[in-house]
Amino acid sequence: MLARQRQELILDEIRRTGAVQVHALVGRLGVSDMTVRRDLDVLAKRGLVEKVYGGATSVVGRSTEEPGFEAKSVRALPQKEAICARAAGLIRPGTAIGVSAGTTTWTFARFLDDVPELTVVTNSIRVADALQRSGRTDRTVVLTGGVRTPSDALVGPVAVQTLRSLHLDVVFLGVHGMADGPGFTTPNLNESETDRALVEAGRRLVVLADHTKWGVVGISTIADLDEAHVLVTDDGIADDARELLADRVGELIIARTVADSGV
């Protein structure tokens, strides 16, 4: 089993129970005590867990808490890739799309290389860089402008004014959390108004959110669940959440995750 696979299993267990013990992980994963401790060190350095004596616990969540880009980029990576592959299949050549900032949408940008004649509007410097590196000459990438955040999103009045003057075919939105009631949320007040302007600029809204986002609530709502024409999530989503989401969003697409292989 690869280190990334072990660490994802550890994270899933912590999300499920709130804490893990080293000796229990040794038996479950079939690795040494030292290997488990190294995995916990890696996760702690990325801000994903809090190390305690004999194990680790979940990081106490707050509605304004947002891990850094690097920490988020490795969370649920196989799930994100499966989601993005399915979402890329929804795009027709020659259309104008919007792509929000975030690690899932950054992953999504790498799946657009086979779609010709796209115009992509984004408020994410990282998404724009990923799109430009593809080398396609039939693609137009538009950065909104605005105030740059630590996660390389462009936000504020300039970004909002730009988006309100545009008309996009489809908007692809990454979110911090999704829940019944609050809907699709973000922990960043500076980004929330910009995200809402992006949503309003599109004729259709496609939300990209892996199963770990369910039940997470940020401080500000971007859109209600029923505003999503399509929600693409992964097969780790709980049955009760799947039923609720299927009833609330326009279309629910479940991407099948293919686990990494290795020893």
C-alpha atoms as a PDB file:
ATOM      1  CA  MET A   1       0.000   0.000   0.000  1.00  0.00           C
ATOM      2  CA  LEU A   2       1.324   3.438  -0.935  1.00  0.00           C
ATOM      3  CA  ALA A   3       1.925   6.078   1.718  1.00  0.00           C
ATOM      4  CA  ARG A   4      -0.786   8.263   0.194  1.00  0.00           C
ATOM      5  CA  GLN A   5      -3.287   5.418   0.436  1.00  0.00           C
ATOM      6  CA  ARG A   6      -2.430   4.807   4.094  1.00  0.00           C
ATOM      7  CA  GLN A   7      -2.751   8.478   4.906  1.00  0.00           C
ATOM      8  CA  GLU A   8      -6.138   8.694   3.177  1.00  0.00           C
ATOM      9  CA  LEU A   9      -7.366   5.713   5.207  1.00  0.00           C
ATOM     10  CA  ILE A  10      -6.116   7.345   8.397  1.00  0.00           C
ATOM     11  CA  LEU A  11      -7.913  10.582   7.513  1.00  0.00           C
ATOM     12  CA  ASP A  12     -11.139   8.722   6.756  1.00  0.00           C
ATOM     13  CA  GLU A  13     -10.976   6.983  10.143  1.00  0.00           C
ATOM     14  CA  ILE A  14     -10.365  10.272  11.950  1.00  0.00           C
ATOM     15  CA  ARG A  15     -13.276  11.916  10.124  1.00  0.00           C
ATOM     16  CA  ARG A  16     -15.484   8.957  11.091  1.00  0.00           C
ATOM     17  CA  THR A  17     -14.507   8.581  14.747  1.00  0.00           C
ATOM     18  CA  GLY A  18     -12.705  11.811  15.619  1.00  0.00           C
ATOM     19  CA  ALA A  19      -9.457  10.114  16.691  1.00  0.00           C
ATOM     20  CA  VAL A  20      -7.092   7.218  15.985  1.00  0.00           C
ATOM     21  CA  GLN A  21      -4.544   5.293  18.059  1.00  0.00           C
ATOM     22  CA  VAL A  22      -1.176   4.211  16.719  1.00  0.00           C
ATOM     23  CA  HIS A  23      -1.452   0.597  17.926  1.00  0.00           C
ATOM     24  CA  ALA A  24      -4.865   0.197  16.254  1.00  0.00           C
ATOM     25  CA  LEU A  25      -3.543   1.570  12.961  1.00  0.00           C
ATOM     26  CA  VAL A  26      -0.566  -0.794  13.083  1.00  0.00           C
ATOM     27  CA  GLY A  27      -2.955  -3.762  13.162  1.00  0.00           C
ATOM     28  CA  ARG A  28      -5.347  -2.375  10.586  1.00  0.00           C
ATOM     29  CA  LEU A  29      -2.745  -1.241   8.049  1.00  0.00           C
ATOM     30  CA  GLY A  30      -0.274  -4.067   8.592  1.00  0.00           C
ATOM     31  CA  VAL A  31       2.718  -1.755   8.919  1.00  0.00           C
ATOM     32  CA  SER A  32       5.183  -0.892  11.656  1.00  0.00           C
ATOM     33  CA  ASP A  33       4.659   1.499  14.528  1.00  0.00           C
ATOM     34  CA  MET A  34       7.297   3.792  13.019  1.00  0.00           C
ATOM     35  CA  THR A  35       5.536   3.875   9.642  1.00  0.00           C
ATOM     36  CA  VAL A  36       2.256   4.913  11.254  1.00  0.00           C
ATOM     37  CA  ARG A  37       3.985   7.641  13.242  1.00  0.00           C
ATOM     38  CA  ARG A  38       5.651   8.972  10.090  1.00  0.00           C
ATOM     39  CA  ASP A  39       2.256   9.066   8.347  1.00  0.00           C
ATOM     40  CA  LEU A  40       0.781  10.994  11.280  1.00  0.00           C
ATOM     41  CA  ASP A  41       3.719  13.408  11.190  1.00  0.00           C
ATOM     42  CA  VAL A  42       3.059  14.081   7.489  1.00  0.00           C
ATOM     43  CA  LEU A  43      -0.652  14.666   8.078  1.00  0.00           C
ATOM     44  CA  ALA A  44       0.021  16.921  11.062  1.00  0.00           C
ATOM     45  CA  LYS A  45       2.504  19.050   9.107  1.00  0.00           C
ATOM     46  CA  ARG A  46      -0.159  19.527   6.428  1.00  0.00           C
ATOM     47  CA  GLY A  47      -2.610  20.714   9.059  1.00  0.00           C
ATOM     48  CA  LEU A  48      -4.973  17.790   8.513  1.00  0.00           C
ATOM     49  CA  VAL A  49      -4.755  16.196  11.997  1.00  0.00           C
ATOM     50  CA  GLU A  50      -3.598  17.108  15.472  1.00  0.00           C
ATOM     51  CA  LYS A  51      -1.063  14.728  17.026  1.00  0.00           C
ATOM     52  CA  VAL A  52      -1.710  13.628  20.602  1.00  0.00           C
ATOM     53  CA  TYR A  53      -0.044  11.089  22.882  1.00  0.00           C
ATOM     54  CA  GLY A  54      -0.459   7.641  21.288  1.00  0.00           C
ATOM     55  CA  GLY A  55      -2.289   8.818  18.176  1.00  0.00           C
ATOM     56  CA  ALA A  56      -4.034  11.762  16.522  1.00  0.00           C
ATOM     57  CA  THR A  57      -7.340  13.611  16.566  1.00  0.00           C
ATOM     58  CA  SER A  58      -9.299  15.690  14.104  1.00  0.00           C
ATOM     59  CA  VAL A  59      -8.500  19.374  13.845  1.00  0.00           C
ATOM     60  CA  VAL A  60     -11.312  21.243  15.562  1.00  0.00           C
ATOM     61  CA  GLY A  61     -13.356  22.796  12.782  1.00  0.00           C
ATOM     62  CA  ARG A  62     -14.722  26.330  12.749  1.00  0.00           C
ATOM     63  CA  SER A  63     -16.961  27.999  10.213  1.00  0.00           C
ATOM     64  CA  THR A  64     -14.125  30.375   9.294  1.00  0.00           C
ATOM     65  CA  GLU A  65     -11.345  27.772   9.336  1.00  0.00           C
ATOM     66  CA  GLU A  66      -9.669  27.096   6.012  1.00  0.00           C
ATOM     67  CA  PRO A  67      -6.510  24.962   5.601  1.00  0.00           C
ATOM     68  CA  GLY A  68      -3.838  26.187   3.204  1.00  0.00           C
ATOM     69  CA  PHE A  69      -3.865  25.318  -0.497  1.00  0.00           C
ATOM     70  CA  GLU A  70      -1.078  22.755  -0.192  1.00  0.00           C
ATOM     71  CA  ALA A  71      -2.838  20.956   2.659  1.00  0.00           C
ATOM     72  CA  LYS A  72      -6.149  20.855   0.802  1.00  0.00           C
ATOM     73  CA  SER A  73      -4.612  19.775  -2.506  1.00  0.00           C
ATOM     74  CA  VAL A  74      -3.735  16.299  -1.158  1.00  0.00           C
ATOM     75  CA  ARG A  75      -7.074  15.648   0.527  1.00  0.00           C
ATOM     76  CA  ALA A  76      -9.223  12.993  -1.173  1.00  0.00           C
ATOM     77  CA  LEU A  77      -7.068  13.229  -4.303  1.00  0.00           C
ATOM     78  CA  PRO A  78      -8.319  10.024  -6.019  1.00  0.00           C
ATOM     79  CA  GLN A  79     -11.885  11.181  -5.400  1.00  0.00           C
ATOM     80  CA  LYS A  80     -11.175  14.628  -6.803  1.00  0.00           C
ATOM     81  CA  GLU A  81      -9.621  13.159  -9.929  1.00  0.00           C
ATOM     82  CA  ALA A  82     -12.597  10.861 -10.500  1.00  0.00           C
ATOM     83  CA  ILE A  83     -14.991  13.778 -10.028  1.00  0.00           C
ATOM     84  CA  CYS A  84     -13.055  16.010 -12.402  1.00  0.00           C
ATOM     85  CA  ALA A  85     -12.862  13.368 -15.126  1.00  0.00           C
ATOM     86  CA  ARG A  86     -16.667  13.004 -15.057  1.00  0.00           C
ATOM     87  CA  ALA A  87     -17.215  16.756 -14.952  1.00  0.00           C
ATOM     88  CA  ALA A  88     -14.937  17.385 -17.936  1.00  0.00           C
ATOM     89  CA  GLY A  89     -17.200  15.122 -19.976  1.00  0.00           C
ATOM     90  CA  LEU A  90     -20.046  17.617 -19.486  1.00  0.00           C
ATOM     91  CA  ILE A  91     -18.313  20.361 -21.481  1.00  0.00           C
ATOM     92  CA  ARG A  92     -19.132  20.963 -25.122  1.00  0.00           C
ATOM     93  CA  PRO A  93     -16.434  22.333 -27.457  1.00  0.00           C
ATOM     94  CA  GLY A  94     -16.661  26.019 -28.238  1.00  0.00           C
ATOM     95  CA  THR A  95     -18.402  27.053 -25.017  1.00  0.00           C
ATOM     96  CA  ALA A  96     -17.607  29.697 -22.411  1.00  0.00           C
ATOM     97  CA  ILE A  97     -17.203  28.321 -18.906  1.00  0.00           C
ATOM     98  CA  GLY A  98     -16.439  29.752 -15.489  1.00  0.00           C
ATOM     99  CA  VAL A  99     -14.138  27.983 -13.028  1.00  0.00           C
ATOM    100  CA  SER A 100     -13.911  29.053  -9.388  1.00  0.00           C
ATOM    101  CA  ALA A 101     -10.802  28.988  -7.228  1.00  0.00           C
ATOM    102  CA  GLY A 102      -9.905  25.948  -5.130  1.00  0.00           C
ATOM    103  CA  THR A 103      -7.954  22.711  -5.151  1.00  0.00           C
ATOM    104  CA  THR A 104     -10.729  20.670  -6.776  1.00  0.00           C
ATOM    105  CA  THR A 105     -11.121  23.152  -9.627  1.00  0.00           C
ATOM    106  CA  TRP A 106      -7.329  23.325  -9.970  1.00  0.00           C
ATOM    107  CA  THR A 107      -7.397  19.556 -10.445  1.00  0.00           C
ATOM    108  CA  PHE A 108     -10.325  19.992 -12.849  1.00  0.00           C
ATOM    109  CA  ALA A 109      -8.295  22.356 -15.050  1.00  0.00           C
ATOM    110  CA  ARG A 110      -5.889  19.527 -15.853  1.00  0.00           C
ATOM    111  CA  PHE A 111      -8.745  17.484 -17.329  1.00  0.00           C
ATOM    112  CA  LEU A 112      -9.708  20.098 -19.932  1.00  0.00           C
ATOM    113  CA  ASP A 113      -6.845  19.513 -22.374  1.00  0.00           C
ATOM    114  CA  ASP A 114      -8.990  17.474 -24.773  1.00  0.00           C
ATOM    115  CA  VAL A 115     -11.809  20.034 -25.050  1.00  0.00           C
ATOM    116  CA  PRO A 116     -11.252  22.334 -28.064  1.00  0.00           C
ATOM    117  CA  GLU A 117     -12.079  26.020 -28.495  1.00  0.00           C
ATOM    118  CA  LEU A 118     -12.859  26.802 -24.876  1.00  0.00           C
ATOM    119  CA  THR A 119     -13.147  30.207 -23.287  1.00  0.00           C
ATOM    120  CA  VAL A 120     -12.437  29.897 -19.567  1.00  0.00           C
ATOM    121  CA  VAL A 121     -13.125  32.685 -17.075  1.00  0.00           C
ATOM    122  CA  THR A 122     -11.588  32.171 -13.642  1.00  0.00           C
ATOM    123  CA  ASN A 123     -10.666  34.101 -10.519  1.00  0.00           C
ATOM    124  CA  SER A 124      -7.926  31.586  -9.708  1.00  0.00           C
ATOM    125  CA  ILE A 125      -4.321  32.292 -10.631  1.00  0.00           C
ATOM    126  CA  ARG A 126      -3.487  28.606 -10.165  1.00  0.00           C
ATOM    127  CA  VAL A 127      -6.307  27.464 -12.449  1.00  0.00           C
ATOM    128  CA  ALA A 128      -5.231  29.980 -15.107  1.00  0.00           C
ATOM    129  CA  ASP A 129      -1.618  28.769 -14.891  1.00  0.00           C
ATOM    130  CA  ALA A 130      -2.696  25.133 -15.259  1.00  0.00           C
ATOM    131  CA  LEU A 131      -4.778  25.984 -18.329  1.00  0.00           C
ATOM    132  CA  GLN A 132      -2.039  28.046 -19.963  1.00  0.00           C
ATOM    133  CA  ARG A 133       0.518  25.270 -19.555  1.00  0.00           C
ATOM    134  CA  SER A 134      -1.513  22.953 -21.778  1.00  0.00           C
ATOM    135  CA  GLY A 135      -0.208  24.826 -24.824  1.00  0.00           C
ATOM    136  CA  ARG A 136      -3.560  24.835 -26.658  1.00  0.00           C
ATOM    137  CA  THR A 137      -3.716  27.745 -29.096  1.00  0.00           C
ATOM    138  CA  ASP A 138      -7.507  27.511 -29.494  1.00  0.00           C
ATOM    139  CA  ARG A 139      -8.201  28.366 -25.851  1.00  0.00           C
ATOM    140  CA  THR A 140      -8.876  31.753 -24.288  1.00  0.00           C
ATOM    141  CA  VAL A 141      -8.225  32.150 -20.562  1.00  0.00           C
ATOM    142  CA  VAL A 142      -9.625  35.226 -18.809  1.00  0.00           C
ATOM    143  CA  LEU A 143      -8.500  36.209 -15.283  1.00  0.00           C
ATOM    144  CA  THR A 144     -10.995  38.422 -13.509  1.00  0.00           C
ATOM    145  CA  GLY A 145      -8.544  40.672 -11.703  1.00  0.00           C
ATOM    146  CA  GLY A 146      -9.037  41.629  -8.082  1.00  0.00           C
ATOM    147  CA  VAL A 147      -7.280  41.375  -4.742  1.00  0.00           C
ATOM    148  CA  ARG A 148      -5.084  38.299  -4.417  1.00  0.00           C
ATOM    149  CA  THR A 149      -5.724  36.012  -1.434  1.00  0.00           C
ATOM    150  CA  PRO A 150      -3.139  33.660   0.163  1.00  0.00           C
ATOM    151  CA  SER A 151      -4.708  30.793  -1.853  1.00  0.00           C
ATOM    152  CA  ASP A 152      -4.165  32.721  -5.125  1.00  0.00           C
ATOM    153  CA  ALA A 153      -7.836  33.578  -5.633  1.00  0.00           C
ATOM    154  CA  LEU A 154      -8.747  37.016  -6.975  1.00  0.00           C
ATOM    155  CA  VAL A 155     -11.597  38.571  -5.018  1.00  0.00           C
ATOM    156  CA  GLY A 156     -13.253  41.865  -4.187  1.00  0.00           C
ATOM    157  CA  PRO A 157     -15.073  44.610  -6.141  1.00  0.00           C
ATOM    158  CA  VAL A 158     -12.944  44.383  -9.294  1.00  0.00           C
ATOM    159  CA  ALA A 159     -13.536  40.627  -9.614  1.00  0.00           C
ATOM    160  CA  VAL A 160     -17.254  40.999  -8.861  1.00  0.00           C
ATOM    161  CA  GLN A 161     -17.726  43.828 -11.380  1.00  0.00           C
ATOM    162  CA  THR A 162     -15.943  41.829 -14.080  1.00  0.00           C
ATOM    163  CA  LEU A 163     -18.094  38.742 -13.483  1.00  0.00           C
ATOM    164  CA  ARG A 164     -21.346  40.724 -13.469  1.00  0.00           C
ATOM    165  CA  SER A 165     -20.615  41.890 -17.023  1.00  0.00           C
ATOM    166  CA  LEU A 166     -20.139  38.348 -18.374  1.00  0.00           C
ATOM    167  CA  HIS A 167     -22.492  35.636 -19.623  1.00  0.00           C
ATOM    168  CA  LEU A 168     -21.183  32.075 -19.333  1.00  0.00           C
ATOM    169  CA  ASP A 169     -22.626  28.770 -20.520  1.00  0.00           C
ATOM    170  CA  VAL A 170     -21.591  26.743 -17.481  1.00  0.00           C
ATOM    171  CA  VAL A 171     -19.945  27.554 -14.149  1.00  0.00           C
ATOM    172  CA  PHE A 172     -17.908  24.886 -12.345  1.00  0.00           C
ATOM    173  CA  LEU A 173     -17.807  25.623  -8.633  1.00  0.00           C
ATOM    174  CA  GLY A 174     -15.613  24.106  -5.950  1.00  0.00           C
ATOM    175  CA  VAL A 175     -16.879  24.456  -2.382  1.00  0.00           C
ATOM    176  CA  HIS A 176     -15.584  24.135   1.172  1.00  0.00           C
ATOM    177  CA  GLY A 177     -18.704  22.405   2.430  1.00  0.00           C
ATOM    178  CA  MET A 178     -22.239  21.313   1.596  1.00  0.00           C
ATOM    179  CA  ALA A 179     -25.092  20.607   3.960  1.00  0.00           C
ATOM    180  CA  ASP A 180     -28.863  20.571   4.128  1.00  0.00           C
ATOM    181  CA  GLY A 181     -29.950  24.089   5.061  1.00  0.00           C
ATOM    182  CA  PRO A 182     -26.749  26.125   4.605  1.00  0.00           C
ATOM    183  CA  GLY A 183     -26.226  24.715   1.108  1.00  0.00           C
ATOM    184  CA  PHE A 184     -22.842  25.175  -0.568  1.00  0.00           C
ATOM    185  CA  THR A 185     -20.572  27.232   1.672  1.00  0.00           C
ATOM    186  CA  THR A 186     -17.163  28.842   2.045  1.00  0.00           C
ATOM    187  CA  PRO A 187     -15.175  29.805   5.165  1.00  0.00           C
ATOM    188  CA  ASN A 188     -13.818  32.915   3.441  1.00  0.00           C
ATOM    189  CA  LEU A 189     -15.977  36.030   3.472  1.00  0.00           C
ATOM    190  CA  ASN A 190     -13.725  37.724   0.920  1.00  0.00           C
ATOM    191  CA  GLU A 191     -14.362  34.946  -1.596  1.00  0.00           C
ATOM    192  CA  SER A 192     -18.076  34.438  -0.995  1.00  0.00           C
ATOM    193  CA  GLU A 193     -19.342  37.491  -2.899  1.00  0.00           C
ATOM    194  CA  THR A 194     -17.007  36.736  -5.807  1.00  0.00           C
ATOM    195  CA  ASP A 195     -18.206  33.129  -5.938  1.00  0.00           C
ATOM    196  CA  ARG A 196     -21.841  34.261  -5.910  1.00  0.00           C
ATOM    197  CA  ALA A 197     -21.145  36.651  -8.804  1.00  0.00           C
ATOM    198  CA  LEU A 198     -19.551  33.796 -10.733  1.00  0.00           C
ATOM    199  CA  VAL A 199     -22.587  31.582 -10.113  1.00  0.00           C
ATOM    200  CA  GLU A 200     -24.929  34.336 -11.302  1.00  0.00           C
ATOM    201  CA  ALA A 201     -22.901  34.775 -14.512  1.00  0.00           C
ATOM    202  CA  GLY A 202     -23.601  31.203 -15.633  1.00  0.00           C
ATOM    203  CA  ARG A 203     -26.658  29.693 -17.285  1.00  0.00           C
ATOM    204  CA  ARG A 204     -25.897  26.369 -15.576  1.00  0.00           C
ATOM    205  CA  LEU A 205     -24.136  25.543 -12.313  1.00  0.00           C
ATOM    206  CA  VAL A 206     -22.063  22.398 -11.834  1.00  0.00           C
ATOM    207  CA  VAL A 207     -20.711  21.863  -8.319  1.00  0.00           C
ATOM    208  CA  LEU A 208     -17.648  19.664  -7.785  1.00  0.00           C
ATOM    209  CA  ALA A 209     -17.470  18.332  -4.221  1.00  0.00           C
ATOM    210  CA  ASP A 210     -16.026  15.102  -2.838  1.00  0.00           C
ATOM    211  CA  HIS A 211     -17.768  13.167  -0.073  1.00  0.00           C
ATOM    212  CA  THR A 212     -15.678  14.717   2.708  1.00  0.00           C
ATOM    213  CA  LYS A 213     -17.407  18.057   2.040  1.00  0.00           C
ATOM    214  CA  TRP A 214     -20.791  16.706   3.161  1.00  0.00           C
ATOM    215  CA  GLY A 215     -21.813  18.080   6.551  1.00  0.00           C
ATOM    216  CA  VAL A 216     -19.109  20.756   6.518  1.00  0.00           C
ATOM    217  CA  VAL A 217     -20.448  24.290   6.951  1.00  0.00           C
ATOM    218  CA  GLY A 218     -18.494  27.467   6.197  1.00  0.00           C
ATOM    219  CA  ILE A 219     -19.477  30.890   7.430  1.00  0.00           C
ATOM    220  CA  SER A 220     -21.032  32.086   4.163  1.00  0.00           C
ATOM    221  CA  THR A 221     -23.427  30.462   1.705  1.00  0.00           C
ATOM    222  CA  ILE A 222     -22.521  30.609  -1.979  1.00  0.00           C
ATOM    223  CA  ALA A 223     -25.630  28.864  -3.307  1.00  0.00           C
ATOM    224  CA  ASP A 224     -28.499  26.714  -2.078  1.00  0.00           C
ATOM    225  CA  LEU A 225     -28.429  23.007  -2.884  1.00  0.00           C
ATOM    226  CA  ASP A 226     -31.316  23.353  -5.345  1.00  0.00           C
ATOM    227  CA  GLU A 227     -29.426  26.006  -7.332  1.00  0.00           C
ATOM    228  CA  ALA A 228     -27.038  23.333  -8.621  1.00  0.00           C
ATOM    229  CA  HIS A 229     -28.098  21.991 -11.992  1.00  0.00           C
ATOM    230  CA  VAL A 230     -25.516  19.219 -11.502  1.00  0.00           C
ATOM    231  CA  LEU A 231     -23.551  18.008  -8.480  1.00  0.00           C
ATOM    232  CA  VAL A 232     -20.614  15.693  -9.145  1.00  0.00           C
ATOM    233  CA  THR A 233     -19.400  13.816  -6.083  1.00  0.00           C
ATOM    234  CA  ASP A 234     -17.753  10.445  -5.456  1.00  0.00           C
ATOM    235  CA  ASP A 235     -18.902   6.999  -4.375  1.00  0.00           C
ATOM    236  CA  GLY A 236     -17.787   7.589  -0.793  1.00  0.00           C
ATOM    237  CA  ILE A 237     -20.859   9.731  -0.156  1.00  0.00           C
ATOM    238  CA  ALA A 238     -23.092   8.290   2.556  1.00  0.00           C
ATOM    239  CA  ASP A 239     -26.414   6.729   1.519  1.00  0.00           C
ATOM    240  CA  ASP A 240     -28.533   9.233   3.444  1.00  0.00           C
ATOM    241  CA  ALA A 241     -26.640  12.159   1.925  1.00  0.00           C
ATOM    242  CA  ARG A 242     -26.968  10.603  -1.514  1.00  0.00           C
ATOM    243  CA  GLU A 243     -30.732  10.356  -1.154  1.00  0.00           C
ATOM    244  CA  LEU A 244     -31.094  13.922   0.072  1.00  0.00           C
ATOM    245  CA  LEU A 245     -28.849  15.350  -2.620  1.00  0.00           C
ATOM    246  CA  ALA A 246     -30.576  13.386  -5.383  1.00  0.00           C
ATOM    247  CA  ASP A 247     -33.823  14.992  -4.267  1.00  0.00           C
ATOM    248  CA  ARG A 248     -32.442  18.533  -3.984  1.00  0.00           C
ATOM    249  CA  VAL A 249     -30.036  19.092  -6.885  1.00  0.00           C
ATOM    250  CA  GLY A 250     -31.015  18.982 -10.542  1.00  0.00           C
ATOM    251  CA  GLU A 251     -28.819  15.960 -11.322  1.00  0.00           C
ATOM    252  CA  LEU A 252     -26.537  13.966  -9.039  1.00  0.00           C
ATOM    253  CA  ILE A 253     -23.543  12.294 -10.690  1.00  0.00           C
ATOM    254  CA  ILE A 254     -21.559   9.766  -8.644  1.00  0.00           C
ATOM    255  CA  ALA A 255     -17.988   9.324  -9.857  1.00  0.00           C
ATOM    256  CA  ARG A 256     -16.491   5.909  -9.202  1.00  0.00           C
ATOM    257  CA  THR A 257     -13.127   6.115  -7.494  1.00  0.00           C
ATOM    258  CA  VAL A 258     -10.349   3.874  -8.713  1.00  0.00           C
ATOM    259  CA  ALA A 259      -7.894   3.273  -5.872  1.00  0.00           C
ATOM    260  CA  ASP A 260      -4.165   3.487  -6.488  1.00  0.00           C
ATOM    261  CA  SER A 261      -2.301   0.215  -6.716  1.00  0.00           C
ATOM    262  CA  GLY A 262       1.046  -0.456  -5.141  1.00  0.00           C
ATOM    263  CA  VAL A 263       2.801  -1.973  -2.201  1.00  0.00           C
END
